[in-house]
């Protein structure tokens, strides 16, 4: 399938300036954000396509090559395998759009090792780690702070992170410490200069002759680290909190990765969650349903009074405003929905039996006839 024109992908004219291109990408990114399109492969591919177009058109040199030669002119920008998220150098723009603090599927999509960093920094950056935390609804409602011990790769105390036994770390003579070398190759358009990882130092820019015996030259060893995770109120199952710079240290003094904290909700016996709203089934007696009553309904913060009007039918749902869960980083709070269920007694004493017999004599005089709605419900029940 032929690749679409980058200007067409972003919906801009070929004469569009940088600000117009950025605004167009921002609009598409907001629309195609993975959190707004869960499990939507088409949206995921469209997001990737838009990001590829933005990567080219937001760069003056790459855009000039694209305008002159089309897709063939920029094919070397992404390597032999085509565009991937490791090629994307505009993490700062995405941070401006979505913020740094919180995410779920979005964090899984991009990770933390790209965007504005040189290839050497990306290579030396430490690995991201993932931990899982289970929360009760009460913790989710009020927010929580958890202290957790985790194994990380941290600086070697023997070589102080250099990886060298004698402290002798030299600049790579081939790449002069940049971690990159320039290569010339022939193409349909003549000689093309490309940038590749230095083969001598593998992109690190440094070489070590005598490796540290404790860390084997990595400059890092395993340690147990205690971290504190502050969880905002209103989080949901499957969301992530990113702790920047708390993960593994990179090779030989490289920057630290992040820790991704995956949120799990514990199963609750009493409440069912629907976004910021809570749902509960509340049993009432036949007399309470018929005559009306005032009942005490449980919430996350204690019992509250709720009026049950006379003649209430089983399955009727009442709303208790503001007794749900908070929305993350917002003053908004959901509601509690109470579904009343009229309970039919399974065992009766003598007095109760006599009372219900008398009531039955009155009921026999009433004529209850099924209507259209009754048959529709009956059909749904059977089939």
Protein backbone atom coordinates (compact mmCIF):
# COMPACT_ATOMS: atom_id res chain seq x y z
CA UNK A 1 0.00 0.00 0.00
CA UNK A 2 1.43 3.38 -1.07
CA UNK A 3 2.27 5.82 1.71
CA UNK A 4 0.07 8.88 1.95
CA UNK A 5 1.42 12.36 1.40
CA UNK A 6 2.58 13.81 4.73
CA UNK A 7 0.79 17.11 4.12
CA UNK A 8 -2.42 15.19 3.43
CA UNK A 9 -1.95 13.17 6.64
CA UNK A 10 -1.77 16.34 8.76
CA UNK A 11 -4.40 18.15 6.68
CA UNK A 12 -2.22 21.20 5.89
CA UNK A 13 -1.14 23.02 2.74
CA UNK A 14 2.36 22.51 1.37
CA UNK A 15 3.07 26.17 2.19
CA UNK A 16 2.08 25.75 5.89
CA UNK A 17 4.46 27.25 8.42
CA UNK A 18 5.88 25.44 11.46
CA UNK A 19 3.19 26.70 13.86
CA UNK A 20 0.39 25.56 11.54
CA UNK A 21 1.97 22.10 11.24
CA UNK A 22 2.33 21.83 15.01
CA UNK A 23 -1.29 22.88 15.60
CA UNK A 24 -2.49 20.32 13.05
CA UNK A 25 -0.50 17.55 14.74
CA UNK A 26 -1.75 18.62 18.17
CA UNK A 27 -5.36 18.36 16.96
CA UNK A 28 -4.80 14.87 15.53
CA UNK A 29 -2.87 13.71 18.61
CA UNK A 30 -5.74 14.75 20.89
CA UNK A 31 -8.25 12.94 18.65
CA UNK A 32 -6.20 9.75 18.25
CA UNK A 33 -4.82 9.54 21.81
CA UNK A 34 -4.72 5.83 22.84
CA UNK A 35 -6.63 6.54 26.08
CA UNK A 36 -9.53 7.84 23.98
CA UNK A 37 -9.37 4.91 21.58
CA UNK A 38 -8.66 1.78 23.66
CA UNK A 39 -7.98 -1.38 21.63
CA UNK A 40 -8.51 0.57 18.38
CA UNK A 41 -5.74 -0.57 16.03
CA UNK A 42 -6.88 1.82 13.29
CA UNK A 43 -6.54 4.82 15.61
CA UNK A 44 -3.16 3.53 16.80
CA UNK A 45 -1.88 3.30 13.22
CA UNK A 46 -3.32 6.72 12.37
CA UNK A 47 -1.56 8.20 15.41
CA UNK A 48 1.71 6.64 14.29
CA UNK A 49 1.20 7.90 10.73
CA UNK A 50 0.53 11.45 11.95
CA UNK A 51 3.61 11.33 14.19
CA UNK A 52 5.77 10.18 11.27
CA UNK A 53 4.47 13.05 9.14
CA UNK A 54 5.13 15.52 11.95
CA UNK A 55 8.65 14.18 12.48
CA UNK A 56 9.49 15.02 8.85
CA UNK A 57 7.58 18.25 8.27
CA UNK A 58 8.61 19.87 11.56
CA UNK A 59 12.29 19.50 10.68
CA UNK A 60 13.57 22.06 8.14
CA UNK A 61 16.16 19.80 6.50
CA UNK A 62 13.98 16.70 6.37
CA UNK A 63 11.08 18.72 4.99
CA UNK A 64 13.28 20.15 2.25
CA UNK A 65 14.34 16.65 1.19
CA UNK A 66 10.73 15.46 1.27
CA UNK A 67 9.52 18.42 -0.79
CA UNK A 68 12.22 17.75 -3.38
CA UNK A 69 12.22 13.95 -3.59
CA UNK A 70 9.09 12.73 -1.80
CA UNK A 71 9.21 9.69 0.52
CA UNK A 72 12.38 8.42 -1.16
CA UNK A 73 14.23 11.53 -0.01
CA UNK A 74 13.67 10.80 3.69
CA UNK A 75 13.74 7.00 3.74
CA UNK A 76 17.11 7.05 5.54
CA UNK A 77 15.68 9.13 8.38
CA UNK A 78 14.13 6.03 9.95
CA UNK A 79 16.62 3.32 9.07
CA UNK A 80 15.82 0.25 7.04
CA UNK A 81 12.74 -0.78 9.03
CA UNK A 82 10.77 2.43 8.50
CA UNK A 83 9.39 4.77 11.16
CA UNK A 84 9.13 3.56 14.76
CA UNK A 85 8.68 5.39 18.04
CA UNK A 86 12.41 5.30 18.69
CA UNK A 87 12.78 7.71 15.74
CA UNK A 88 10.38 10.26 17.22
CA UNK A 89 12.24 13.31 18.57
CA UNK A 90 9.34 15.46 19.77
CA UNK A 91 8.51 14.11 23.21
CA UNK A 92 8.50 17.68 24.50
CA UNK A 93 5.67 18.57 22.11
CA UNK A 94 3.68 15.58 23.33
CA UNK A 95 4.33 16.60 26.93
CA UNK A 96 2.94 20.05 26.11
CA UNK A 97 -0.21 18.42 24.74
CA UNK A 98 -0.82 15.67 27.31
CA UNK A 99 1.27 16.65 30.35
CA UNK A 100 3.90 14.63 32.19
CA UNK A 101 1.99 13.45 35.24
CA UNK A 102 -0.44 10.70 34.46
CA UNK A 103 -1.27 8.19 31.79
CA UNK A 104 -2.36 4.61 31.05
CA UNK A 105 -2.17 3.17 27.55
CA UNK A 106 -0.24 6.26 26.39
CA UNK A 107 2.72 5.44 28.64
CA UNK A 108 2.80 1.86 27.38
CA UNK A 109 2.75 3.19 23.83
CA UNK A 110 5.83 5.41 24.09
CA UNK A 111 7.87 4.36 27.12
CA UNK A 112 10.51 6.77 28.37
CA UNK A 113 13.63 6.36 26.24
CA UNK A 114 13.20 8.73 23.32
CA UNK A 115 12.38 12.27 22.38
CA UNK A 116 15.04 14.91 22.06
CA UNK A 117 17.90 12.71 23.26
CA UNK A 118 20.96 11.84 21.23
CA UNK A 119 21.50 8.22 20.24
CA UNK A 120 24.30 8.01 22.82
CA UNK A 121 22.01 9.22 25.61
CA UNK A 122 19.28 6.82 24.55
CA UNK A 123 21.71 3.92 24.55
CA UNK A 124 23.18 4.74 27.97
CA UNK A 125 19.84 5.45 29.59
CA UNK A 126 18.83 2.88 32.19
CA UNK A 127 15.90 0.52 31.81
CA UNK A 128 12.39 1.38 32.95
CA UNK A 129 10.93 -0.82 35.68
CA UNK A 130 7.31 -1.71 36.38
CA UNK A 131 5.61 -2.38 39.69
CA UNK A 132 1.96 -3.04 40.53
CA UNK A 133 -0.07 -1.60 43.38
CA UNK A 134 -3.51 -2.81 44.52
CA UNK A 135 -5.84 -0.23 46.02
CA UNK A 136 -9.18 -0.40 47.82
CA UNK A 137 -12.02 1.91 46.81
CA UNK A 138 -11.47 3.90 49.99
CA UNK A 139 -7.82 4.48 49.02
CA UNK A 140 -8.89 5.45 45.52
CA UNK A 141 -11.47 7.87 46.93
CA UNK A 142 -9.04 9.73 49.17
CA UNK A 143 -5.67 9.13 47.47
CA UNK A 144 -2.88 7.11 49.02
CA UNK A 145 0.83 7.05 49.74
CA UNK A 146 2.63 3.71 49.48
CA UNK A 147 6.20 2.82 50.45
CA UNK A 148 7.66 -0.07 48.44
CA UNK A 149 11.02 -1.83 48.26
CA UNK A 150 12.28 -2.60 44.77
CA UNK A 151 15.46 -4.05 43.24
CA UNK A 152 17.22 -1.57 40.96
CA UNK A 153 20.55 -1.31 39.18
CA UNK A 154 22.38 1.58 40.85
CA UNK A 155 25.85 3.05 40.83
CA UNK A 156 28.72 0.71 41.63
CA UNK A 157 30.46 1.94 44.80
CA UNK A 158 33.79 0.40 43.80
CA UNK A 159 34.29 2.23 40.50
CA UNK A 160 31.84 5.07 41.22
CA UNK A 161 29.89 4.25 38.10
CA UNK A 162 32.76 4.51 35.62
CA UNK A 163 33.05 0.77 35.00
CA UNK A 164 36.85 1.08 35.13
CA UNK A 165 39.02 -0.67 37.73
CA UNK A 166 41.67 2.06 37.58
CA UNK A 167 39.47 5.01 36.67
CA UNK A 168 40.99 5.17 33.21
CA UNK A 169 38.20 5.93 30.75
CA UNK A 170 39.27 7.29 27.39
CA UNK A 171 37.41 9.04 24.61
CA UNK A 172 36.77 6.81 21.62
CA UNK A 173 39.33 7.73 18.95
CA UNK A 174 37.05 6.83 16.04
CA UNK A 175 33.99 8.95 16.91
CA UNK A 176 35.79 11.50 19.15
CA UNK A 177 33.30 10.86 21.95
CA UNK A 178 30.11 11.51 19.97
CA UNK A 179 29.11 7.85 19.71
CA UNK A 180 28.27 8.43 16.04
CA UNK A 181 30.08 8.23 12.74
CA UNK A 182 29.16 9.65 9.35
CA UNK A 183 28.90 7.34 6.37
CA UNK A 184 28.52 8.08 2.67
CA UNK A 185 26.36 5.91 0.46
CA UNK A 186 25.20 6.08 -3.11
CA UNK A 187 21.51 6.42 -3.92
CA UNK A 188 19.31 7.42 -6.83
CA UNK A 189 19.95 11.02 -5.83
CA UNK A 190 23.74 10.76 -5.68
CA UNK A 191 25.95 10.68 -2.60
CA UNK A 192 23.92 10.64 0.63
CA UNK A 193 25.47 11.19 4.05
CA UNK A 194 24.01 9.17 6.90
CA UNK A 195 24.72 8.97 10.63
CA UNK A 196 25.35 5.57 12.24
CA UNK A 197 26.38 4.20 15.62
CA UNK A 198 30.12 4.07 16.15
CA UNK A 199 31.22 0.42 15.80
CA UNK A 200 34.23 0.85 18.10
CA UNK A 201 32.44 2.06 21.24
CA UNK A 202 28.91 0.96 20.27
CA UNK A 203 27.57 4.46 20.59
CA UNK A 204 28.93 5.21 24.08
CA UNK A 205 31.74 7.55 23.04
CA UNK A 206 34.11 6.04 25.62
CA UNK A 207 36.35 3.00 25.91
CA UNK A 208 37.58 1.10 29.01
CA UNK A 209 40.70 -1.08 29.13
CA UNK A 210 40.53 -2.47 32.70
CA UNK A 211 36.97 -3.29 33.73
CA UNK A 212 35.81 -3.13 37.35
CA UNK A 213 35.68 -6.63 38.87
CA UNK A 214 32.58 -5.88 40.95
CA UNK A 215 30.29 -4.62 38.21
CA UNK A 216 32.03 -6.18 35.21
CA UNK A 217 32.49 -2.80 33.57
CA UNK A 218 28.80 -1.82 33.65
CA UNK A 219 29.31 0.80 36.35
CA UNK A 220 26.20 -0.42 38.17
CA UNK A 221 25.18 -3.16 40.59
CA UNK A 222 21.88 -4.43 42.01
CA UNK A 223 20.59 -2.72 45.15
CA UNK A 224 17.36 -2.69 47.15
CA UNK A 225 15.74 0.72 47.00
CA UNK A 226 12.82 2.06 49.01
CA UNK A 227 10.48 4.36 47.11
CA UNK A 228 7.40 6.32 48.07
CA UNK A 229 4.52 6.47 45.60
CA UNK A 230 1.95 9.23 45.97
CA UNK A 231 -1.28 8.15 44.29
CA UNK A 232 -3.84 10.84 43.45
CA UNK A 233 -7.50 10.30 44.30
CA UNK A 234 -9.70 8.92 41.53
CA UNK A 235 -7.24 6.62 39.73
CA UNK A 236 -8.58 3.68 37.75
CA UNK A 237 -7.65 0.09 36.96
CA UNK A 238 -4.89 -0.15 34.36
CA UNK A 239 -3.59 3.41 34.67
CA UNK A 240 0.09 4.20 35.16
CA UNK A 241 1.99 6.66 37.30
CA UNK A 242 5.48 7.40 36.00
CA UNK A 243 8.24 8.05 38.54
CA UNK A 244 10.88 9.74 36.45
CA UNK A 245 14.52 8.96 37.18
CA UNK A 246 13.70 6.27 39.75
CA UNK A 247 14.49 3.22 37.60
CA UNK A 248 17.74 1.51 36.66
CA UNK A 249 20.86 3.61 36.21
CA UNK A 250 22.32 3.51 32.71
CA UNK A 251 25.62 1.91 31.79
CA UNK A 252 28.71 3.68 33.13
CA UNK A 253 27.01 6.71 34.61
CA UNK A 254 24.16 6.89 32.11
CA UNK A 255 20.89 8.57 33.06
CA UNK A 256 18.33 6.66 35.08
CA UNK A 257 15.21 5.10 33.65
CA UNK A 258 11.75 5.47 35.13
CA UNK A 259 9.47 3.35 37.28
CA UNK A 260 5.97 2.72 35.95
CA UNK A 261 3.43 2.08 38.70
CA UNK A 262 0.48 0.06 37.40
CA UNK A 263 -2.77 0.57 39.30
CA UNK A 264 -5.06 -2.33 40.23
CA UNK A 265 -8.42 -2.06 41.98
CA UNK A 266 -9.29 -4.67 44.57
CA UNK A 267 -12.61 -6.46 44.15
CA UNK A 268 -15.33 -4.96 46.35
CA UNK A 269 -18.27 -6.87 47.81
CA UNK A 270 -20.45 -3.81 48.35
CA UNK A 271 -19.93 -1.34 45.50
CA UNK A 272 -19.59 -1.59 41.75
CA UNK A 273 -17.61 1.15 40.00
CA UNK A 274 -18.64 2.90 36.78
CA UNK A 275 -16.09 5.65 36.11
CA UNK A 276 -16.52 8.17 38.93
CA UNK A 277 -19.92 6.73 39.89
CA UNK A 278 -20.64 3.93 42.34
CA UNK A 279 -23.53 1.46 42.20
CA UNK A 280 -25.00 -0.51 45.08
CA UNK A 281 -27.98 -2.84 45.49
CA UNK A 282 -29.94 -2.12 48.66
CA UNK A 283 -32.55 -4.60 50.02
CA UNK A 284 -35.87 -3.28 51.36
CA UNK A 285 -38.91 -5.08 52.71
CA UNK A 286 -42.31 -5.26 51.04
CA UNK A 287 -43.80 -2.96 53.66
CA UNK A 288 -41.04 -0.35 53.14
CA UNK A 289 -41.64 -0.44 49.38
CA UNK A 290 -45.43 -0.19 49.76
CA UNK A 291 -45.63 2.37 52.57
CA UNK A 292 -42.40 4.28 51.99
CA UNK A 293 -39.49 4.55 54.40
CA UNK A 294 -36.29 6.34 55.29
CA UNK A 295 -33.28 4.04 55.07
CA UNK A 296 -29.57 4.38 55.88
CA UNK A 297 -27.49 3.68 52.77
CA UNK A 298 -23.75 2.90 53.11
CA UNK A 299 -21.22 5.11 51.28
CA UNK A 300 -17.43 5.26 51.30
CA UNK A 301 -17.56 7.89 54.04
CA UNK A 302 -20.35 6.43 56.23
CA UNK A 303 -24.11 5.92 56.12
CA UNK A 304 -26.44 8.55 54.65
CA UNK A 305 -30.22 8.86 54.82
CA UNK A 306 -32.25 8.14 51.71
CA UNK A 307 -36.02 8.43 51.29
CA UNK A 308 -37.89 5.55 49.66
CA UNK A 309 -41.27 6.85 48.41
CA UNK A 310 -44.43 4.83 48.95
CA UNK A 311 -45.16 2.47 46.07
CA UNK A 312 -41.53 1.98 45.09
CA UNK A 313 -41.04 -0.96 42.73
CA UNK A 314 -38.20 -3.44 42.97
CA UNK A 315 -35.30 -2.39 40.75
CA UNK A 316 -35.96 1.34 41.10
CA UNK A 317 -32.70 3.34 41.03
CA UNK A 318 -32.12 6.41 43.19
CA UNK A 319 -29.22 8.85 42.90
CA UNK A 320 -27.32 10.11 45.94
CA UNK A 321 -25.41 13.11 44.59
CA UNK A 322 -21.72 13.56 45.32
CA UNK A 323 -21.20 10.20 47.03
CA UNK A 324 -19.15 8.64 44.23
CA UNK A 325 -15.44 8.88 43.45
CA UNK A 326 -13.40 11.99 42.60
CA UNK A 327 -12.03 12.62 39.15
CA UNK A 328 -8.23 12.75 38.99
CA UNK A 329 -6.86 16.27 39.48
CA UNK A 330 -10.36 17.74 39.58
CA UNK A 331 -12.87 18.96 42.15
CA UNK A 332 -15.62 16.97 40.40
CA UNK A 333 -17.05 13.97 42.23
CA UNK A 334 -19.37 11.30 40.91
CA UNK A 335 -22.62 10.03 42.41
CA UNK A 336 -23.86 6.92 44.20
CA UNK A 337 -26.67 5.03 42.42
CA UNK A 338 -28.80 2.92 44.74
CA UNK A 339 -30.86 0.12 43.19
CA UNK A 340 -33.50 -0.99 45.68
CA UNK A 341 -34.49 -4.65 45.64
CA UNK A 342 -37.73 -5.72 47.33
CA UNK A 343 -37.00 -8.90 49.26
CA UNK A 344 -39.55 -11.70 49.41
CA UNK A 345 -39.29 -13.49 52.78
CA UNK A 346 -38.52 -17.20 52.57
CA UNK A 347 -39.69 -18.08 56.11
CA UNK A 348 -42.61 -16.56 58.03
CA UNK A 349 -43.79 -16.79 61.62
CA UNK A 350 -47.45 -17.26 62.49
CA UNK A 351 -48.26 -13.54 62.84
CA UNK A 352 -46.57 -12.69 59.54
CA UNK A 353 -48.44 -15.48 57.79
CA UNK A 354 -51.80 -14.25 59.08
CA UNK A 355 -51.06 -10.67 58.03
CA UNK A 356 -50.08 -11.72 54.54
CA UNK A 357 -53.20 -13.89 54.21
CA UNK A 358 -55.35 -10.88 55.02
CA UNK A 359 -53.39 -8.82 52.50
CA UNK A 360 -53.88 -11.58 49.96
CA UNK A 361 -57.66 -11.36 50.40
CA UNK A 362 -57.49 -7.69 49.45
CA UNK A 363 -55.13 -8.40 46.53
CA UNK A 364 -57.51 -11.01 45.09
CA UNK A 365 -60.06 -8.29 44.50
CA UNK A 366 -57.60 -6.31 42.35
CA UNK A 367 -57.23 -7.01 38.66
CA UNK A 368 -53.62 -7.00 37.41
CA UNK A 369 -53.40 -7.33 33.64
CA UNK A 370 -50.18 -7.70 31.65
CA UNK A 371 -49.46 -5.07 29.01
CA UNK A 372 -47.06 -4.72 26.12
CA UNK A 373 -44.12 -3.88 28.37
CA UNK A 374 -44.79 -6.97 30.44
CA UNK A 375 -44.58 -9.25 27.39
CA UNK A 376 -41.44 -7.49 26.13
CA UNK A 377 -39.73 -8.13 29.45
CA UNK A 378 -41.01 -11.71 29.51
CA UNK A 379 -39.60 -12.29 26.02
CA UNK A 380 -36.21 -10.89 27.07
CA UNK A 381 -36.24 -13.17 30.11
CA UNK A 382 -37.01 -16.31 28.09
CA UNK A 383 -34.68 -15.67 25.17
